[in-house]
Protein backbone atom coordinates (compact mmCIF):
# COMPACT_ATOMS: atom_id res chain seq x y z
CA UNK A 1 68.01 139.43 126.58
CA UNK A 2 67.60 137.06 123.66
CA UNK A 3 68.00 136.86 119.93
CA UNK A 4 64.86 136.38 117.81
CA UNK A 5 64.64 134.62 114.45
CA UNK A 6 61.87 134.43 111.88
CA UNK A 7 62.17 131.79 109.17
CA UNK A 8 59.78 131.72 106.20
CA UNK A 9 56.90 133.04 108.30
CA UNK A 10 53.43 133.13 106.69
CA UNK A 11 50.04 134.19 108.03
CA UNK A 12 46.95 133.74 105.87
CA UNK A 13 43.34 134.68 106.53
CA UNK A 14 41.59 132.57 103.92
CA UNK A 15 42.94 133.79 100.58
CA UNK A 16 44.46 136.93 102.12
CA UNK A 17 48.20 136.76 102.80
CA UNK A 18 48.66 139.03 105.80
CA UNK A 19 52.35 138.12 106.23
CA UNK A 20 54.29 136.60 103.35
CA UNK A 21 57.65 134.80 103.67
CA UNK A 22 58.92 136.94 106.56
CA UNK A 23 62.61 136.30 107.32
CA UNK A 24 64.56 138.28 109.90
CA UNK A 25 67.34 137.79 112.47
CA UNK A 26 67.28 140.09 115.52
CA UNK A 27 70.36 140.28 117.72
CA UNK A 28 70.39 140.27 121.52
CA UNK A 29 69.54 143.71 122.88
CA UNK A 30 68.58 145.13 119.50
CA UNK A 31 65.73 147.64 119.12
CA UNK A 32 63.83 146.70 115.96
CA UNK A 33 60.94 148.76 114.59
CA UNK A 34 58.38 147.30 112.19
CA UNK A 35 56.88 150.16 110.21
CA UNK A 36 54.49 150.45 107.30
CA UNK A 37 50.99 151.56 106.31
CA UNK A 38 47.83 150.11 107.84
CA UNK A 39 47.28 146.50 106.80
CA UNK A 40 50.92 145.79 105.96
CA UNK A 41 51.18 142.90 108.45
CA UNK A 42 53.33 144.51 111.16
CA UNK A 43 50.90 144.02 114.07
CA UNK A 44 50.02 140.53 112.85
CA UNK A 45 53.72 139.65 112.98
CA UNK A 46 53.97 140.97 116.54
CA UNK A 47 50.89 139.01 117.59
CA UNK A 48 52.38 135.80 116.17
CA UNK A 49 55.47 136.32 118.36
CA UNK A 50 53.21 136.82 121.37
CA UNK A 51 51.17 133.72 120.54
CA UNK A 52 47.98 135.73 120.02
CA UNK A 53 47.77 134.65 116.36
CA UNK A 54 48.30 131.17 114.97
CA UNK A 55 51.13 130.79 112.45
CA UNK A 56 50.09 129.47 109.04
CA UNK A 57 53.60 128.23 108.31
CA UNK A 58 57.20 129.04 109.18
CA UNK A 59 59.16 129.21 112.41
CA UNK A 60 59.87 131.68 115.21
CA UNK A 61 62.79 131.23 117.61
CA UNK A 62 63.49 133.15 120.83
CA UNK A 63 66.93 132.60 122.32
CA UNK A 64 67.39 129.81 119.74
CA UNK A 65 64.32 128.03 121.11
CA UNK A 66 61.47 127.07 118.73
CA UNK A 67 58.36 128.74 120.19
CA UNK A 68 55.54 128.05 117.70
CA UNK A 69 53.89 125.50 119.99
CA UNK A 70 54.80 127.11 123.32
CA UNK A 71 51.89 128.64 125.24
CA UNK A 72 51.95 132.47 125.20
CA UNK A 73 52.47 132.76 128.97
CA UNK A 74 55.57 130.56 128.74
CA UNK A 75 57.33 132.50 125.95
CA UNK A 76 59.05 134.91 128.37
CA UNK A 77 57.88 138.04 126.59
CA UNK A 78 56.10 141.20 127.76
CA UNK A 79 53.76 143.19 125.55
CA UNK A 80 52.63 146.83 125.75
CA UNK A 81 49.52 147.81 123.81
CA UNK A 82 48.16 151.02 122.37
CA UNK A 83 45.31 151.19 124.91
CA UNK A 84 47.47 150.63 128.05
CA UNK A 85 45.14 147.84 129.37
CA UNK A 86 45.33 149.00 133.00
CA UNK A 87 42.95 147.85 135.73
CA UNK A 88 41.00 151.00 136.73
CA UNK A 89 40.23 149.80 140.28
CA UNK A 90 43.89 149.04 141.10
CA UNK A 91 46.60 151.48 142.14
CA UNK A 92 49.65 152.12 139.97
CA UNK A 93 51.67 149.88 142.27
CA UNK A 94 49.16 147.04 142.02
CA UNK A 95 48.89 147.41 138.25
CA UNK A 96 52.65 147.16 137.88
CA UNK A 97 52.91 144.17 140.21
CA UNK A 98 49.81 142.32 138.97
CA UNK A 99 51.68 139.85 136.77
CA UNK A 100 54.27 139.16 139.45
CA UNK A 101 51.59 138.41 142.02
CA UNK A 102 49.93 136.07 139.54
CA UNK A 103 53.28 134.26 139.28
CA UNK A 104 53.30 134.05 143.10
CA UNK A 105 56.76 135.56 143.44
CA UNK A 106 57.95 136.36 146.97
CA UNK A 107 56.59 139.65 148.30
CA UNK A 108 60.10 141.03 148.85
CA UNK A 109 61.05 140.33 145.22
CA UNK A 110 57.85 141.96 143.96
CA UNK A 111 58.51 145.04 146.09
CA UNK A 112 62.09 145.27 144.86
CA UNK A 113 61.11 145.04 141.19
CA UNK A 114 58.29 147.59 141.52
CA UNK A 115 60.63 150.09 143.20
CA UNK A 116 63.29 149.59 140.51
CA UNK A 117 60.78 150.04 137.68
CA UNK A 118 59.11 153.07 139.26
CA UNK A 119 62.49 154.77 139.73
CA UNK A 120 63.47 154.01 136.13
CA UNK A 121 60.19 155.44 134.79
CA UNK A 122 59.76 158.32 137.23
CA UNK A 123 56.64 156.87 138.85
CA UNK A 124 57.76 156.96 142.50
CA UNK A 125 55.22 159.64 143.47
CA UNK A 126 52.33 158.01 141.64
CA UNK A 127 52.33 154.48 143.06
CA UNK A 128 49.18 154.97 145.18
CA UNK A 129 47.14 156.67 142.46
CA UNK A 130 44.63 154.94 140.22
CA UNK A 131 44.67 155.10 136.39
CA UNK A 132 41.79 157.61 136.32
CA UNK A 133 44.03 160.12 138.09
CA UNK A 134 46.85 159.84 135.54
CA UNK A 135 47.66 161.58 132.27
CA UNK A 136 48.06 159.63 129.04
CA UNK A 137 51.83 159.70 129.31
CA UNK A 138 51.73 158.50 132.92
CA UNK A 139 49.39 155.64 132.00
CA UNK A 140 51.77 154.56 129.27
CA UNK A 141 54.68 154.57 131.72
CA UNK A 142 52.66 152.36 134.07
CA UNK A 143 52.01 149.93 131.21
CA UNK A 144 55.73 149.93 130.46
CA UNK A 145 56.50 149.40 134.15
CA UNK A 146 54.25 146.35 134.23
CA UNK A 147 56.29 144.94 131.33
CA UNK A 148 59.69 145.83 132.83
CA UNK A 149 59.12 144.15 136.20
CA UNK A 150 58.61 140.81 134.50
CA UNK A 151 62.22 140.97 133.25
CA UNK A 152 61.32 139.22 129.99
CA UNK A 153 63.68 138.12 127.25
CA UNK A 154 61.82 140.25 124.69
CA UNK A 155 59.66 143.39 124.83
CA UNK A 156 56.83 143.74 122.28
CA UNK A 157 55.33 147.21 121.70
CA UNK A 158 52.20 147.58 119.54
CA UNK A 159 51.84 151.28 118.62
CA UNK A 160 52.16 152.34 122.28
CA UNK A 161 52.31 156.09 121.61
CA UNK A 162 49.53 156.50 119.05
CA UNK A 163 46.96 157.72 121.62
CA UNK A 164 49.21 160.53 122.85
CA UNK A 165 49.41 164.10 121.56
CA UNK A 166 52.46 165.27 119.61
CA UNK A 167 54.25 166.82 122.60
CA UNK A 168 53.77 163.71 124.76
CA UNK A 169 54.84 161.42 121.92
CA UNK A 170 58.09 163.36 121.61
CA UNK A 171 58.69 163.09 125.37
CA UNK A 172 57.84 159.38 125.49
CA UNK A 173 60.13 158.61 122.53
CA UNK A 174 63.02 160.10 124.47
CA UNK A 175 62.05 158.16 127.59
CA UNK A 176 61.78 154.88 125.69
CA UNK A 177 65.20 155.40 124.15
CA UNK A 178 66.72 156.03 127.59
CA UNK A 179 64.86 153.04 128.99
CA UNK A 180 66.28 150.74 126.33
CA UNK A 181 69.81 151.93 127.09
CA UNK A 182 69.25 151.21 130.80
CA UNK A 183 67.49 147.85 130.50
CA UNK A 184 68.98 146.57 127.23
CA UNK A 185 66.17 144.09 126.57
CA UNK A 186 65.61 142.95 122.98
CA UNK A 187 62.71 145.07 121.71
CA UNK A 188 60.33 144.70 118.76
CA UNK A 189 58.24 147.82 118.24
CA UNK A 190 55.36 148.32 115.80
CA UNK A 191 54.30 151.72 114.47
CA UNK A 192 52.95 153.44 111.37
CA UNK A 193 54.83 156.61 112.35
CA UNK A 194 58.13 156.98 110.50
CA UNK A 195 59.38 159.55 113.03
CA UNK A 196 59.08 156.96 115.82
CA UNK A 197 60.83 154.44 113.60
CA UNK A 198 63.71 156.76 112.70
CA UNK A 199 64.30 158.04 116.24
CA UNK A 200 63.99 154.76 118.17
CA UNK A 201 65.31 151.96 115.99
CA UNK A 202 68.68 150.32 115.71
CA UNK A 203 67.22 148.83 112.52
CA UNK A 204 63.95 149.49 110.73
CA UNK A 205 61.89 146.81 108.97
CA UNK A 206 59.70 148.47 106.34
CA UNK A 207 56.67 146.40 105.33
CA UNK A 208 54.05 146.59 102.61
CA UNK A 209 51.28 144.09 101.78
CA UNK A 210 52.74 141.50 104.15
CA UNK A 211 56.22 141.66 102.62
CA UNK A 212 59.49 143.10 103.90
CA UNK A 213 60.54 145.89 101.53
CA UNK A 214 63.80 146.78 103.30
CA UNK A 215 65.71 146.23 106.52
CA UNK A 216 68.39 148.71 107.58
CA UNK A 217 69.50 151.41 109.97
CA UNK A 218 67.53 154.68 109.91
CA UNK A 219 70.32 156.26 107.86
CA UNK A 220 70.41 153.35 105.40
CA UNK A 221 66.70 153.33 104.63
CA UNK A 222 66.70 157.11 104.23
CA UNK A 223 69.87 157.51 102.18
CA UNK A 224 69.67 154.25 100.22
CA UNK A 225 66.02 153.20 99.78
CA UNK A 226 65.61 149.88 97.95
CA UNK A 227 62.66 151.05 95.89
CA UNK A 228 60.11 153.78 95.23
CA UNK A 229 57.84 152.66 98.07
CA UNK A 230 60.57 152.95 100.71
CA UNK A 231 61.76 156.26 99.22
CA UNK A 232 58.25 157.70 99.38
CA UNK A 233 57.42 156.29 102.83
CA UNK A 234 60.55 157.45 104.66
CA UNK A 235 61.10 161.20 104.75
CA UNK A 236 58.91 164.22 105.53
CA UNK A 237 57.81 165.78 103.24
CA UNK A 238 57.91 162.78 100.93
CA UNK A 239 60.34 162.43 98.03
CA UNK A 240 59.29 164.02 94.72
CA UNK A 241 59.16 161.86 91.59
CA UNK A 242 59.60 162.83 87.91
CA UNK A 243 59.19 160.45 84.99
CA UNK A 244 61.88 160.20 82.32
CA UNK A 245 63.23 158.01 79.54
CA UNK A 246 66.84 157.15 78.75
CA UNK A 247 67.58 158.57 75.28
CA UNK A 248 71.23 157.66 75.03
CA UNK A 249 73.92 155.91 77.08
CA UNK A 250 77.69 156.31 76.86
CA UNK A 251 80.55 155.21 79.10
CA UNK A 252 80.67 158.58 80.83
CA UNK A 253 77.02 159.61 81.04
CA UNK A 254 73.39 159.07 80.13
CA UNK A 255 70.97 161.48 78.46
CA UNK A 256 67.52 161.47 80.07
CA UNK A 257 64.49 162.81 78.23
CA UNK A 258 61.81 164.41 80.42
CA UNK A 259 58.09 164.84 79.74
CA UNK A 260 58.43 168.44 78.51
CA UNK A 261 61.12 167.36 76.01
CA UNK A 262 63.92 168.78 78.11
CA UNK A 263 66.97 166.58 78.50
CA UNK A 264 69.21 165.94 81.47
CA UNK A 265 72.78 164.68 81.30
CA UNK A 266 73.57 162.31 84.16
CA UNK A 267 76.92 160.85 85.16
CA UNK A 268 75.22 157.87 86.81
CA UNK A 269 75.38 154.54 85.03
CA UNK A 270 73.48 151.24 85.14
CA UNK A 271 71.01 152.55 82.58
CA UNK A 272 69.87 151.25 79.18
CA UNK A 273 68.71 153.13 76.10
CA UNK A 274 64.88 153.50 76.00
CA UNK A 275 64.61 152.50 79.65
CA UNK A 276 61.69 154.15 81.49
CA UNK A 277 62.91 155.62 84.76
CA UNK A 278 61.73 157.71 87.70
CA UNK A 279 63.88 160.51 89.12
CA UNK A 280 63.60 161.01 92.89
CA UNK A 281 64.25 164.38 94.51
CA UNK A 282 64.30 164.91 98.29
CA UNK A 283 62.66 168.24 99.27
CA UNK A 284 65.72 169.27 101.32
CA UNK A 285 67.94 168.82 98.24
CA UNK A 286 65.90 171.25 96.13
CA UNK A 287 67.00 174.87 95.84
CA UNK A 288 64.04 177.26 95.40
CA UNK A 289 64.70 180.81 94.18
CA UNK A 290 63.06 183.64 92.24
CA UNK A 291 66.48 184.79 91.03
CA UNK A 292 68.61 183.73 88.09
CA UNK A 293 70.29 180.37 88.64
CA UNK A 294 74.06 180.09 88.68
CA UNK A 295 74.20 176.31 89.07
CA UNK A 296 76.15 173.77 87.07
CA UNK A 297 74.70 172.98 83.64
CA UNK A 298 74.48 169.35 84.74
CA UNK A 299 72.04 170.12 87.57
CA UNK A 300 68.34 169.54 87.00
CA UNK A 301 66.50 172.87 86.65
CA UNK A 302 62.72 173.28 86.75
CA UNK A 303 60.43 176.27 86.15
CA UNK A 304 57.60 176.32 88.67
CA UNK A 305 54.99 178.43 90.43
CA UNK A 306 54.52 178.40 94.19
CA UNK A 307 51.02 177.19 95.08
CA UNK A 308 51.34 176.75 98.86
CA UNK A 309 53.77 177.96 101.51
CA UNK A 310 53.78 176.16 104.88
CA UNK A 311 55.80 177.92 107.62
CA UNK A 312 57.08 175.30 110.09
CA UNK A 313 59.02 177.61 112.41
CA UNK A 314 62.53 176.24 111.89
CA UNK A 315 61.98 175.95 108.12
CA UNK A 316 59.39 176.60 105.42
CA UNK A 317 57.88 173.98 103.13
CA UNK A 318 57.23 175.25 99.59
CA UNK A 319 54.79 173.37 97.33
CA UNK A 320 55.14 174.23 93.64
CA UNK A 321 53.32 173.39 90.40
CA UNK A 322 55.48 172.50 87.40
CA UNK A 323 55.37 170.69 84.05
CA UNK A 324 56.30 167.57 86.02
CA UNK A 325 53.44 167.89 88.51
CA UNK A 326 53.60 169.00 92.11
CA UNK A 327 57.08 169.40 93.60
CA UNK A 328 57.81 170.10 97.26
CA UNK A 329 60.93 171.82 98.54
CA UNK A 330 62.28 173.17 101.82
CA UNK A 331 63.74 176.64 102.39
CA UNK A 332 64.89 178.68 105.38
CA UNK A 333 62.23 180.08 107.69
CA UNK A 334 63.08 183.71 106.84
CA UNK A 335 62.38 183.26 103.12
CA UNK A 336 60.89 186.09 101.05
CA UNK A 337 59.10 183.67 98.72
CA UNK A 338 55.34 184.14 98.28
CA UNK A 339 52.44 182.07 96.97
CA UNK A 340 51.85 182.70 93.25
CA UNK A 341 55.51 183.61 92.65
CA UNK A 342 57.34 182.11 89.65
CA UNK A 343 60.49 180.36 90.81
CA UNK A 344 63.39 178.22 89.64
CA UNK A 345 63.99 174.83 91.24
CA UNK A 346 67.34 173.13 91.00
CA UNK A 347 68.93 169.93 92.31
CA UNK A 348 72.56 168.88 92.14
CA UNK A 349 72.66 165.65 90.15
CA UNK A 350 74.63 163.95 92.94
CA UNK A 351 71.41 164.17 94.98
CA UNK A 352 69.13 162.68 92.31
CA UNK A 353 67.82 159.16 92.89
CA UNK A 354 67.10 156.93 89.90
CA UNK A 355 64.45 154.20 89.92
CA UNK A 356 63.37 151.78 87.21
CA UNK A 357 59.74 152.56 86.37
CA UNK A 358 58.76 148.92 85.83
CA UNK A 359 60.54 147.17 88.71
CA UNK A 360 60.40 150.26 91.02
CA UNK A 361 63.94 149.37 92.18
CA UNK A 362 66.62 151.91 93.04
CA UNK A 363 69.13 152.06 90.18
CA UNK A 364 71.48 154.25 92.22
CA UNK A 365 72.55 151.40 94.51
């Protein structure tokens, strides 16, 4: 295991800044997930650690050792790719041991490590098979086994589950979490899938346009997003947003004017008169009913019409049209709500997020 440090890391392709002033400290044994939309710089960052991309400027340290100029094979890392990169003519056993044989380790040590890895990953009965005889999940376990036997200081995973179907991804997420608990190796994992990020990470690094938007535990980035981008990226369905303007501010409350001239009295502070703001509403915090509301007068209440109902089994997603645009809520699976029905939406003001429209920053923090 090793700690990893990034200091003022930049990667440019001509005039394009793929990674911009990336700073991060990763503790020994930590599982870090880099997540963000395509082109945000997450895979480029991983490739710079591996030595597959040159660094424009900045520094990377592994185990407090400056590695920028160290050859990739000498960085003591192991990388698992999206496409598995297995040798089709070799058995599972030979694929797993390939790197060890290249290092010319003693045969007894190679055998020991292969057995340990195969037992950890449940590959004992597959060691004599070739990749063409394996399922996608089995191939990914072989790729992981090849990384494990090297006993590196750091694991690098570049979207390793993206080629698998939903059921296999769920299974492999659980296996990877168990594997990390067993092995404890410092892990840096790249994905565009927020579910992978939330379920696997000790901490999540959310990136956009080469910049770090927020670093925090899954609970922190969900409950306390730094800005509108993080709030919209983390959470399924995504957070709803409503524009407003601060009409009046007092010591105890603020009066928010909405686009349909309704007003909302909020207890939250840190606002200024005439400030343009965005209200954020999580779908799970929205009550949807076709009955008369009996909520507090301080709750936000919205008239809407259901346009789409999406049964999900354990719950139902309800998409509504309102004066504030499309708003998505969640209700119980046994709901009697129907498409085309007029409904009332309400949210307790304690669950309302406030963002500054210009800076996009979370004013609730």
